[in-house]
PDB file of all heavy atoms in Angstrom:
ATOM      1  N   ALA A   1     103.066-192.409  65.307  1.00  0.00           N
ATOM      2  CA  ALA A   1     102.463-193.697  65.071  1.00  0.00           C
ATOM      3  C   ALA A   1     103.065-194.709  65.999  1.00  0.00           C
ATOM      4  O   ALA A   1     104.185-194.539  66.555  1.00  0.00           O
ATOM      5  CB  ALA A   1     102.630-194.106  63.637  1.00  0.00           C
ATOM      6  N   CYS A   2     102.375-195.855  66.194  1.00  0.00           N
ATOM      7  CA  CYS A   2     102.841-196.923  67.072  1.00  0.00           C
ATOM      8  C   CYS A   2     102.651-198.254  66.443  1.00  0.00           C
ATOM      9  O   CYS A   2     101.861-198.448  65.482  1.00  0.00           O
ATOM     10  CB  CYS A   2     102.112-196.849  68.430  1.00  0.00           C
ATOM     11  SG  CYS A   2     100.338-197.036  68.334  1.00  0.00           S
ATOM     12  N   CYS A   3     103.391-199.253  66.929  1.00  0.00           N
ATOM     13  CA  CYS A   3     103.243-200.629  66.487  1.00  0.00           C
ATOM     14  C   CYS A   3     103.806-201.522  67.580  1.00  0.00           C
ATOM     15  O   CYS A   3     104.419-201.097  68.567  1.00  0.00           O
ATOM     16  CB  CYS A   3     103.967-200.854  65.163  1.00  0.00           C
ATOM     17  SG  CYS A   3     105.755-200.776  65.296  1.00  0.00           S
ATOM     18  N   GLN A   4     103.598-202.827  67.441  1.00  0.00           N
ATOM     19  CA  GLN A   4     104.118-203.796  68.371  1.00  0.00           C
ATOM     20  C   GLN A   4     104.962-204.834  67.670  1.00  0.00           C
ATOM     21  O   GLN A   4     104.739-205.189  66.490  1.00  0.00           O
ATOM     22  CB  GLN A   4     102.962-204.486  69.107  1.00  0.00           C
ATOM     23  CG  GLN A   4     102.282-203.528  70.094  1.00  0.00           C
ATOM     24  CD  GLN A   4     101.150-204.238  70.828  1.00  0.00           C
ATOM     25  OE1 GLN A   4     100.029-204.410  70.311  1.00  0.00           O
ATOM     26  NE2 GLN A   4     101.423-204.670  72.020  1.00  0.00           N
ATOM     27  N   GLY A   5     105.960-205.394  68.356  1.00  0.00           N
ATOM     28  CA  GLY A   5     106.815-206.407  67.814  1.00  0.00           C
ATOM     29  C   GLY A   5     107.937-206.784  68.796  1.00  0.00           C
ATOM     30  O   GLY A   5     108.089-206.062  69.838  1.00  0.00           O
ATOM     31  N   PRO A   6     108.703-207.782  68.485  1.00  0.00           N
ATOM     32  CA  PRO A   6     109.700-208.276  69.469  1.00  0.00           C
ATOM     33  C   PRO A   6     111.048-207.577  69.345  1.00  0.00           C
ATOM     34  O   PRO A   6     111.486-207.226  68.238  1.00  0.00           O
ATOM     35  CB  PRO A   6     109.815-209.712  69.100  1.00  0.00           C
ATOM     36  CG  PRO A   6     109.586-209.821  67.646  1.00  0.00           C
ATOM     37  CD  PRO A   6     108.535-208.730  67.331  1.00  0.00           C
ATOM     38  N   ILE A   7     111.704-207.424  70.448  1.00  0.00           N
ATOM     39  CA  ILE A   7     113.140-207.094  70.540  1.00  0.00           C
ATOM     40  C   ILE A   7     113.801-208.191  71.337  1.00  0.00           C
ATOM     41  O   ILE A   7     113.482-208.312  72.568  1.00  0.00           O
ATOM     42  CB  ILE A   7     113.419-205.707  71.137  1.00  0.00           C
ATOM     43  CG1 ILE A   7     112.976-204.596  70.206  1.00  0.00           C
ATOM     44  CG2 ILE A   7     114.902-205.555  71.481  1.00  0.00           C
ATOM     45  CD1 ILE A   7     113.215-203.216  70.731  1.00  0.00           C
ATOM     46  N   PHE A   8     114.611-209.053  70.694  1.00  0.00           N
ATOM     47  CA  PHE A   8     115.229-210.173  71.397  1.00  0.00           C
ATOM     48  C   PHE A   8     114.200-210.990  72.238  1.00  0.00           C
ATOM     49  O   PHE A   8     114.447-211.357  73.378  1.00  0.00           O
ATOM     50  CB  PHE A   8     116.365-209.683  72.303  1.00  0.00           C
ATOM     51  CG  PHE A   8     117.725-209.682  71.617  1.00  0.00           C
ATOM     52  CD1 PHE A   8     117.929-208.800  70.502  1.00  0.00           C
ATOM     53  CD2 PHE A   8     118.735-210.467  72.044  1.00  0.00           C
ATOM     54  CE1 PHE A   8     119.156-208.794  69.904  1.00  0.00           C
ATOM     55  CE2 PHE A   8     119.989-210.438  71.386  1.00  0.00           C
ATOM     56  CZ  PHE A   8     120.185-209.595  70.313  1.00  0.00           C
ATOM     57  N   GLY A   9     113.063-211.221  71.599  1.00  0.00           N
ATOM     58  CA  GLY A   9     112.023-212.034  72.263  1.00  0.00           C
ATOM     59  C   GLY A   9     111.142-211.287  73.207  1.00  0.00           C
ATOM     60  O   GLY A   9     110.210-211.878  73.768  1.00  0.00           O
ATOM     61  N   VAL A  10     111.385-210.015  73.452  1.00  0.00           N
ATOM     62  CA  VAL A  10     110.610-209.254  74.403  1.00  0.00           C
ATOM     63  C   VAL A  10     109.543-208.439  73.610  1.00  0.00           C
ATOM     64  O   VAL A  10     109.895-207.616  72.725  1.00  0.00           O
ATOM     65  CB  VAL A  10     111.453-208.267  75.201  1.00  0.00           C
ATOM     66  CG1 VAL A  10     110.582-207.427  76.112  1.00  0.00           C
ATOM     67  CG2 VAL A  10     112.525-209.032  76.027  1.00  0.00           C
ATOM     68  N   ASN A  11     108.267-208.733  73.831  1.00  0.00           N
ATOM     69  CA  ASN A  11     107.185-207.996  73.144  1.00  0.00           C
ATOM     70  C   ASN A  11     107.292-206.516  73.528  1.00  0.00           C
ATOM     71  O   ASN A  11     107.312-206.159  74.669  1.00  0.00           O
ATOM     72  CB  ASN A  11     105.864-208.548  73.503  1.00  0.00           C
ATOM     73  CG  ASN A  11     104.744-207.911  72.671  1.00  0.00           C
ATOM     74  OD1 ASN A  11     104.926-207.737  71.492  1.00  0.00           O
ATOM     75  ND2 ASN A  11     103.649-207.618  73.283  1.00  0.00           N
ATOM     76  N   THR A  12     107.347-205.659  72.490  1.00  0.00           N
ATOM     77  CA  THR A  12     107.654-204.265  72.657  1.00  0.00           C
ATOM     78  C   THR A  12     106.589-203.408  71.975  1.00  0.00           C
ATOM     79  O   THR A  12     106.209-203.677  70.827  1.00  0.00           O
ATOM     80  CB  THR A  12     109.027-203.927  72.093  1.00  0.00           C
ATOM     81  OG1 THR A  12     110.029-204.784  72.689  1.00  0.00           O
ATOM     82  CG2 THR A  12     109.400-202.453  72.341  1.00  0.00           C
ATOM     83  N   LEU A  13     106.145-202.392  72.671  1.00  0.00           N
ATOM     84  CA  LEU A  13     105.262-201.378  72.038  1.00  0.00           C
ATOM     85  C   LEU A  13     106.202-200.176  71.630  1.00  0.00           C
ATOM     86  O   LEU A  13     106.835-199.617  72.486  1.00  0.00           O
ATOM     87  CB  LEU A  13     104.207-200.917  73.024  1.00  0.00           C
ATOM     88  CG  LEU A  13     103.336-199.745  72.644  1.00  0.00           C
ATOM     89  CD1 LEU A  13     102.561-200.030  71.334  1.00  0.00           C
ATOM     90  CD2 LEU A  13     102.339-199.413  73.749  1.00  0.00           C
ATOM     91  N   PHE A  14     106.229-199.883  70.325  1.00  0.00           N
ATOM     92  CA  PHE A  14     107.051-198.838  69.782  1.00  0.00           C
ATOM     93  C   PHE A  14     106.221-197.638  69.551  1.00  0.00           C
ATOM     94  O   PHE A  14     105.144-197.694  68.979  1.00  0.00           O
ATOM     95  CB  PHE A  14     107.650-199.225  68.427  1.00  0.00           C
ATOM     96  CG  PHE A  14     108.562-200.429  68.434  1.00  0.00           C
ATOM     97  CD1 PHE A  14     108.050-201.712  68.434  1.00  0.00           C
ATOM     98  CD2 PHE A  14     109.934-200.279  68.423  1.00  0.00           C
ATOM     99  CE1 PHE A  14     108.904-202.820  68.345  1.00  0.00           C
ATOM    100  CE2 PHE A  14     110.791-201.361  68.389  1.00  0.00           C
ATOM    101  CZ  PHE A  14     110.282-202.660  68.393  1.00  0.00           C
ATOM    102  N   GLY A  15     106.667-196.450  69.949  1.00  0.00           N
ATOM    103  CA  GLY A  15     106.103-195.172  69.573  1.00  0.00           C
ATOM    104  C   GLY A  15     107.096-194.287  68.938  1.00  0.00           C
ATOM    105  O   GLY A  15     108.217-194.135  69.456  1.00  0.00           O
ATOM    106  N   ARG A  16     106.806-193.765  67.764  1.00  0.00           N
ATOM    107  CA  ARG A  16     107.777-192.912  67.106  1.00  0.00           C
ATOM    108  C   ARG A  16     107.396-191.433  67.249  1.00  0.00           C
ATOM    109  O   ARG A  16     106.249-191.051  67.024  1.00  0.00           O
ATOM    110  CB  ARG A  16     107.842-193.229  65.598  1.00  0.00           C
ATOM    111  CG  ARG A  16     109.001-192.441  64.897  1.00  0.00           C
ATOM    112  CD  ARG A  16     109.073-192.744  63.422  1.00  0.00           C
ATOM    113  NE  ARG A  16     110.314-192.267  62.910  1.00  0.00           N
ATOM    114  CZ  ARG A  16     111.236-192.969  62.221  1.00  0.00           C
ATOM    115  NH1 ARG A  16     110.928-194.266  61.988  1.00  0.00           N
ATOM    116  NH2 ARG A  16     112.329-192.487  61.827  1.00  0.00           N
ATOM    117  N   PHE A  17     108.413-190.651  67.687  1.00  0.00           N
ATOM    118  CA  PHE A  17     108.223-189.187  67.818  1.00  0.00           C
ATOM    119  C   PHE A  17     109.280-188.476  66.955  1.00  0.00           C
ATOM    120  O   PHE A  17     110.116-189.131  66.354  1.00  0.00           O
ATOM    121  CB  PHE A  17     108.290-188.810  69.280  1.00  0.00           C
ATOM    122  CG  PHE A  17     107.226-189.449  70.099  1.00  0.00           C
ATOM    123  CD1 PHE A  17     107.384-190.725  70.634  1.00  0.00           C
ATOM    124  CD2 PHE A  17     106.032-188.842  70.300  1.00  0.00           C
ATOM    125  CE1 PHE A  17     106.395-191.324  71.419  1.00  0.00           C
ATOM    126  CE2 PHE A  17     104.982-189.411  71.045  1.00  0.00           C
ATOM    127  CZ  PHE A  17     105.169-190.662  71.589  1.00  0.00           C
ATOM    128  N   SER A  18     109.260-187.187  66.940  1.00  0.00           N
ATOM    129  CA  SER A  18     110.146-186.429  66.050  1.00  0.00           C
ATOM    130  C   SER A  18     111.622-186.644  66.338  1.00  0.00           C
ATOM    131  O   SER A  18     112.434-186.616  65.437  1.00  0.00           O
ATOM    132  CB  SER A  18     109.800-184.930  66.099  1.00  0.00           C
ATOM    133  OG  SER A  18     109.995-184.421  67.406  1.00  0.00           O
ATOM    134  N   ASP A  19     111.972-186.876  67.588  1.00  0.00           N
ATOM    135  CA  ASP A  19     113.364-186.956  67.952  1.00  0.00           C
ATOM    136  C   ASP A  19     113.710-188.229  68.718  1.00  0.00           C
ATOM    137  O   ASP A  19     114.810-188.331  69.226  1.00  0.00           O
ATOM    138  CB  ASP A  19     113.786-185.762  68.831  1.00  0.00           C
ATOM    139  CG  ASP A  19     113.095-185.833  70.193  1.00  0.00           C
ATOM    140  OD1 ASP A  19     111.996-186.400  70.287  1.00  0.00           O
ATOM    141  OD2 ASP A  19     113.672-185.385  71.201  1.00  0.00           O
ATOM    142  N   ARG A  20     112.757-189.196  68.741  1.00  0.00           N
ATOM    143  CA  ARG A  20     113.013-190.393  69.565  1.00  0.00           C
ATOM    144  C   ARG A  20     112.061-191.461  69.213  1.00  0.00           C
ATOM    145  O   ARG A  20     111.082-191.308  68.481  1.00  0.00           O
ATOM    146  CB  ARG A  20     112.737-190.011  71.022  1.00  0.00           C
ATOM    147  CG  ARG A  20     111.217-189.915  71.283  1.00  0.00           C
ATOM    148  CD  ARG A  20     110.849-189.423  72.640  1.00  0.00           C
ATOM    149  NE  ARG A  20     111.277-188.060  72.752  1.00  0.00           N
ATOM    150  CZ  ARG A  20     111.555-187.457  73.930  1.00  0.00           C
ATOM    151  NH1 ARG A  20     111.471-188.133  75.021  1.00  0.00           N
ATOM    152  NH2 ARG A  20     111.930-186.218  73.925  1.00  0.00           N
ATOM    153  N   PHE A  21     112.395-192.660  69.800  1.00  0.00           N
ATOM    154  CA  PHE A  21     111.435-193.741  69.916  1.00  0.00           C
ATOM    155  C   PHE A  21     111.170-193.936  71.390  1.00  0.00           C
ATOM    156  O   PHE A  21     112.044-193.857  72.203  1.00  0.00           O
ATOM    157  CB  PHE A  21     111.988-195.061  69.369  1.00  0.00           C
ATOM    158  CG  PHE A  21     112.017-195.098  67.852  1.00  0.00           C
ATOM    159  CD1 PHE A  21     113.094-194.590  67.146  1.00  0.00           C
ATOM    160  CD2 PHE A  21     110.979-195.681  67.121  1.00  0.00           C
ATOM    161  CE1 PHE A  21     113.130-194.646  65.761  1.00  0.00           C
ATOM    162  CE2 PHE A  21     110.987-195.741  65.762  1.00  0.00           C
ATOM    163  CZ  PHE A  21     112.079-195.216  65.077  1.00  0.00           C
ATOM    164  N   GLU A  22     109.883-194.141  71.749  1.00  0.00           N
ATOM    165  CA  GLU A  22     109.572-194.541  73.080  1.00  0.00           C
ATOM    166  C   GLU A  22     109.203-196.061  73.050  1.00  0.00           C
ATOM    167  O   GLU A  22     108.458-196.462  72.140  1.00  0.00           O
ATOM    168  CB  GLU A  22     108.463-193.706  73.693  1.00  0.00           C
ATOM    169  CG  GLU A  22     108.982-192.290  73.943  1.00  0.00           C
ATOM    170  CD  GLU A  22     108.133-191.443  74.856  1.00  0.00           C
ATOM    171  OE1 GLU A  22     107.097-191.975  75.329  1.00  0.00           O
ATOM    172  OE2 GLU A  22     108.512-190.273  75.114  1.00  0.00           O
ATOM    173  N   LEU A  23     109.760-196.813  73.953  1.00  0.00           N
ATOM    174  CA  LEU A  23     109.708-198.250  73.962  1.00  0.00           C
ATOM    175  C   LEU A  23     109.070-198.703  75.294  1.00  0.00           C
ATOM    176  O   LEU A  23     109.516-198.296  76.371  1.00  0.00           O
ATOM    177  CB  LEU A  23     111.060-198.852  73.764  1.00  0.00           C
ATOM    178  CG  LEU A  23     111.876-198.291  72.598  1.00  0.00           C
ATOM    179  CD1 LEU A  23     113.354-198.716  72.726  1.00  0.00           C
ATOM    180  CD2 LEU A  23     111.299-198.732  71.261  1.00  0.00           C
ATOM    181  N   HIS A  24     108.030-199.540  75.237  1.00  0.00           N
ATOM    182  CA  HIS A  24     107.316-199.945  76.409  1.00  0.00           C
ATOM    183  C   HIS A  24     107.266-201.463  76.445  1.00  0.00           C
ATOM    184  O   HIS A  24     106.890-202.142  75.475  1.00  0.00           O
ATOM    185  CB  HIS A  24     105.911-199.388  76.349  1.00  0.00           C
ATOM    186  CG  HIS A  24     105.859-197.917  75.977  1.00  0.00           C
ATOM    187  ND1 HIS A  24     106.061-196.902  76.913  1.00  0.00           N
ATOM    188  CD2 HIS A  24     105.634-197.297  74.801  1.00  0.00           C
ATOM    189  CE1 HIS A  24     105.983-195.748  76.318  1.00  0.00           C
ATOM    190  NE2 HIS A  24     105.734-195.960  75.052  1.00  0.00           N
ATOM    191  N   VAL A  25     107.700-202.061  77.569  1.00  0.00           N
ATOM    192  CA  VAL A  25     107.805-203.492  77.774  1.00  0.00           C
ATOM    193  C   VAL A  25     107.279-203.865  79.156  1.00  0.00           C
ATOM    194  O   VAL A  25     107.170-203.020  80.058  1.00  0.00           O
ATOM    195  CB  VAL A  25     109.221-204.022  77.559  1.00  0.00           C
ATOM    196  CG1 VAL A  25     109.723-203.676  76.158  1.00  0.00           C
ATOM    197  CG2 VAL A  25     110.188-203.441  78.588  1.00  0.00           C
ATOM    198  N   CYS A  26     107.023-205.166  79.351  1.00  0.00           N
ATOM    199  CA  CYS A  26     106.674-205.668  80.654  1.00  0.00           C
ATOM    200  C   CYS A  26     107.815-205.459  81.599  1.00  0.00           C
ATOM    201  O   CYS A  26     109.033-205.682  81.284  1.00  0.00           O
ATOM    202  CB  CYS A  26     106.382-207.163  80.525  1.00  0.00           C
ATOM    203  SG  CYS A  26     106.051-207.971  82.092  1.00  0.00           S
ATOM    204  N   SER A  27     107.538-205.011  82.826  1.00  0.00           N
ATOM    205  CA  SER A  27     108.618-204.670  83.738  1.00  0.00           C
ATOM    206  C   SER A  27     109.499-205.865  84.118  1.00  0.00           C
ATOM    207  O   SER A  27     110.663-205.669  84.500  1.00  0.00           O
ATOM    208  CB  SER A  27     107.994-204.077  85.023  1.00  0.00           C
ATOM    209  OG  SER A  27     107.493-202.808  84.752  1.00  0.00           O
ATOM    210  N   ASP A  28     108.984-207.073  83.972  1.00  0.00           N
ATOM    211  CA  ASP A  28     109.834-208.247  84.278  1.00  0.00           C
ATOM    212  C   ASP A  28     111.041-208.350  83.372  1.00  0.00           C
ATOM    213  O   ASP A  28     112.045-208.975  83.749  1.00  0.00           O
ATOM    214  CB  ASP A  28     109.004-209.511  84.126  1.00  0.00           C
ATOM    215  CG  ASP A  28     107.945-209.699  85.202  1.00  0.00           C
ATOM    216  OD1 ASP A  28     107.979-208.939  86.212  1.00  0.00           O
ATOM    217  OD2 ASP A  28     107.036-210.539  85.036  1.00  0.00           O
ATOM    218  N   SER A  29     110.971-207.757  82.220  1.00  0.00           N
ATOM    219  CA  SER A  29     112.053-207.823  81.196  1.00  0.00           C
ATOM    220  C   SER A  29     112.927-206.545  81.227  1.00  0.00           C
ATOM    221  O   SER A  29     113.793-206.412  80.329  1.00  0.00           O
ATOM    222  CB  SER A  29     111.505-208.012  79.785  1.00  0.00           C
ATOM    223  OG  SER A  29     110.697-209.198  79.753  1.00  0.00           O
ATOM    224  N   ALA A  30     112.722-205.631  82.122  1.00  0.00           N
ATOM    225  CA  ALA A  30     113.266-204.274  82.066  1.00  0.00           C
ATOM    226  C   ALA A  30     114.803-204.267  81.975  1.00  0.00           C
ATOM    227  O   ALA A  30     115.397-203.621  81.127  1.00  0.00           O
ATOM    228  CB  ALA A  30     112.780-203.437  83.221  1.00  0.00           C
ATOM    229  N   GLU A  31     115.471-204.975  82.912  1.00  0.00           N
ATOM    230  CA  GLU A  31     116.941-204.862  82.947  1.00  0.00           C
ATOM    231  C   GLU A  31     117.549-205.528  81.773  1.00  0.00           C
ATOM    232  O   GLU A  31     118.506-205.001  81.191  1.00  0.00           O
ATOM    233  CB  GLU A  31     117.460-205.468  84.290  1.00  0.00           C
ATOM    234  CG  GLU A  31     118.926-205.144  84.488  1.00  0.00           C
ATOM    235  CD  GLU A  31     119.363-205.201  85.946  1.00  0.00           C
ATOM    236  OE1 GLU A  31     118.498-205.222  86.863  1.00  0.00           O
ATOM    237  OE2 GLU A  31     120.599-205.287  86.175  1.00  0.00           O
ATOM    238  N   PHE A  32     117.011-206.709  81.369  1.00  0.00           N
ATOM    239  CA  PHE A  32     117.521-207.351  80.189  1.00  0.00           C
ATOM    240  C   PHE A  32     117.393-206.441  78.961  1.00  0.00           C
ATOM    241  O   PHE A  32     118.266-206.282  78.154  1.00  0.00           O
ATOM    242  CB  PHE A  32     116.785-208.652  79.930  1.00  0.00           C
ATOM    243  CG  PHE A  32     116.996-209.279  78.592  1.00  0.00           C
ATOM    244  CD1 PHE A  32     118.170-209.943  78.302  1.00  0.00           C
ATOM    245  CD2 PHE A  32     116.048-209.218  77.591  1.00  0.00           C
ATOM    246  CE1 PHE A  32     118.424-210.540  77.078  1.00  0.00           C
ATOM    247  CE2 PHE A  32     116.245-209.770  76.352  1.00  0.00           C
ATOM    248  CZ  PHE A  32     117.443-210.449  76.070  1.00  0.00           C
ATOM    249  N   PHE A  33     116.189-205.803  78.855  1.00  0.00           N
ATOM    250  CA  PHE A  33     115.896-204.969  77.727  1.00  0.00           C
ATOM    251  C   PHE A  33     116.860-203.773  77.700  1.00  0.00           C
ATOM    252  O   PHE A  33     117.358-203.391  76.633  1.00  0.00           O
ATOM    253  CB  PHE A  33     114.425-204.470  77.851  1.00  0.00           C
ATOM    254  CG  PHE A  33     113.856-203.832  76.644  1.00  0.00           C
ATOM    255  CD1 PHE A  33     113.508-204.551  75.518  1.00  0.00           C
ATOM    256  CD2 PHE A  33     113.699-202.430  76.606  1.00  0.00           C
ATOM    257  CE1 PHE A  33     112.961-203.990  74.393  1.00  0.00           C
ATOM    258  CE2 PHE A  33     113.119-201.830  75.505  1.00  0.00           C
ATOM    259  CZ  PHE A  33     112.769-202.585  74.406  1.00  0.00           C
ATOM    260  N   TRP A  34     117.066-203.154  78.824  1.00  0.00           N
ATOM    261  CA  TRP A  34     118.003-202.021  78.949  1.00  0.00           C
ATOM    262  C   TRP A  34     119.394-202.413  78.459  1.00  0.00           C
ATOM    263  O   TRP A  34     120.024-201.692  77.676  1.00  0.00           O
ATOM    264  CB  TRP A  34     118.052-201.536  80.404  1.00  0.00           C
ATOM    265  CG  TRP A  34     118.994-200.412  80.677  1.00  0.00           C
ATOM    266  CD1 TRP A  34     120.361-200.557  80.912  1.00  0.00           C
ATOM    267  CD2 TRP A  34     118.719-199.033  80.766  1.00  0.00           C
ATOM    268  NE1 TRP A  34     120.918-199.293  81.140  1.00  0.00           N
ATOM    269  CE2 TRP A  34     119.949-198.341  81.055  1.00  0.00           C
ATOM    270  CE3 TRP A  34     117.570-198.233  80.649  1.00  0.00           C
ATOM    271  CZ2 TRP A  34     120.013-196.978  81.226  1.00  0.00           C
ATOM    272  CZ3 TRP A  34     117.658-196.922  80.803  1.00  0.00           C
ATOM    273  CH2 TRP A  34     118.859-196.232  81.078  1.00  0.00           C
ATOM    274  N   ASP A  35     119.858-203.612  78.931  1.00  0.00           N
ATOM    275  CA  ASP A  35     121.226-204.029  78.542  1.00  0.00           C
ATOM    276  C   ASP A  35     121.302-204.300  77.043  1.00  0.00           C
ATOM    277  O   ASP A  35     122.327-204.004  76.427  1.00  0.00           O
ATOM    278  CB  ASP A  35     121.565-205.297  79.317  1.00  0.00           C
ATOM    279  CG  ASP A  35     121.826-205.035  80.797  1.00  0.00           C
ATOM    280  OD1 ASP A  35     122.100-203.863  81.131  1.00  0.00           O
ATOM    281  OD2 ASP A  35     121.777-205.992  81.571  1.00  0.00           O
ATOM    282  N   VAL A  36     120.257-204.858  76.438  1.00  0.00           N
ATOM    283  CA  VAL A  36     120.271-205.122  74.984  1.00  0.00           C
ATOM    284  C   VAL A  36     120.395-203.852  74.230  1.00  0.00           C
ATOM    285  O   VAL A  36     121.183-203.783  73.290  1.00  0.00           O
ATOM    286  CB  VAL A  36     118.939-205.874  74.579  1.00  0.00           C
ATOM    287  CG1 VAL A  36     118.737-205.781  73.090  1.00  0.00           C
ATOM    288  CG2 VAL A  36     118.972-207.315  75.050  1.00  0.00           C
ATOM    289  N   LEU A  37     119.647-202.777  74.620  1.00  0.00           N
ATOM    290  CA  LEU A  37     119.749-201.565  73.895  1.00  0.00           C
ATOM    291  C   LEU A  37     121.092-200.847  74.134  1.00  0.00           C
ATOM    292  O   LEU A  37     121.630-200.299  73.167  1.00  0.00           O
ATOM    293  CB  LEU A  37     118.587-200.625  74.424  1.00  0.00           C
ATOM    294  CG  LEU A  37     117.185-201.041  74.039  1.00  0.00           C
ATOM    295  CD1 LEU A  37     116.143-200.130  74.722  1.00  0.00           C
ATOM    296  CD2 LEU A  37     116.977-201.083  72.531  1.00  0.00           C
ATOM    297  N   MET A  38     121.625-200.881  75.357  1.00  0.00           N
ATOM    298  CA  MET A  38     122.902-200.255  75.580  1.00  0.00           C
ATOM    299  C   MET A  38     124.011-200.992  74.777  1.00  0.00           C
ATOM    300  O   MET A  38     124.881-200.281  74.213  1.00  0.00           O
ATOM    301  CB  MET A  38     123.242-200.293  77.075  1.00  0.00           C
ATOM    302  CG  MET A  38     122.398-199.384  77.929  1.00  0.00           C
ATOM    303  SD  MET A  38     122.491-197.628  77.469  1.00  0.00           S
ATOM    304  CE  MET A  38     124.220-197.285  77.653  1.00  0.00           C
ATOM    305  N   ASP A  39     123.970-202.293  74.717  1.00  0.00           N
ATOM    306  CA  ASP A  39     124.971-203.031  73.930  1.00  0.00           C
ATOM    307  C   ASP A  39     124.825-202.649  72.419  1.00  0.00           C
ATOM    308  O   ASP A  39     125.843-202.452  71.746  1.00  0.00           O
ATOM    309  CB  ASP A  39     124.765-204.522  74.115  1.00  0.00           C
ATOM    310  CG  ASP A  39     125.250-205.012  75.485  1.00  0.00           C
ATOM    311  OD1 ASP A  39     125.900-204.259  76.138  1.00  0.00           O
ATOM    312  OD2 ASP A  39     124.882-206.175  75.837  1.00  0.00           O
ATOM    313  N   ALA A  40     123.581-202.600  71.933  1.00  0.00           N
ATOM    314  CA  ALA A  40     123.344-202.301  70.526  1.00  0.00           C
ATOM    315  C   ALA A  40     123.811-200.871  70.193  1.00  0.00           C
ATOM    316  O   ALA A  40     124.303-200.613  69.091  1.00  0.00           O
ATOM    317  CB  ALA A  40     121.898-202.467  70.165  1.00  0.00           C
ATOM    318  N   GLY A  41     123.689-199.987  71.153  1.00  0.00           N
ATOM    319  CA  GLY A  41     124.031-198.591  70.889  1.00  0.00           C
ATOM    320  C   GLY A  41     125.440-198.210  71.165  1.00  0.00           C
ATOM    321  O   GLY A  41     125.830-197.005  70.937  1.00  0.00           O
TER     322      GLY A  41
END
């Protein structure tokens, strides 16, 4: 299943799979988004 919503103000398309989430965002936000996830993890 999929849904949309923000991560730190970045509109994100979420897809849930058996072993992962796939996250899709505008490429302009890519490096910021990567850093947010790495810090959270």
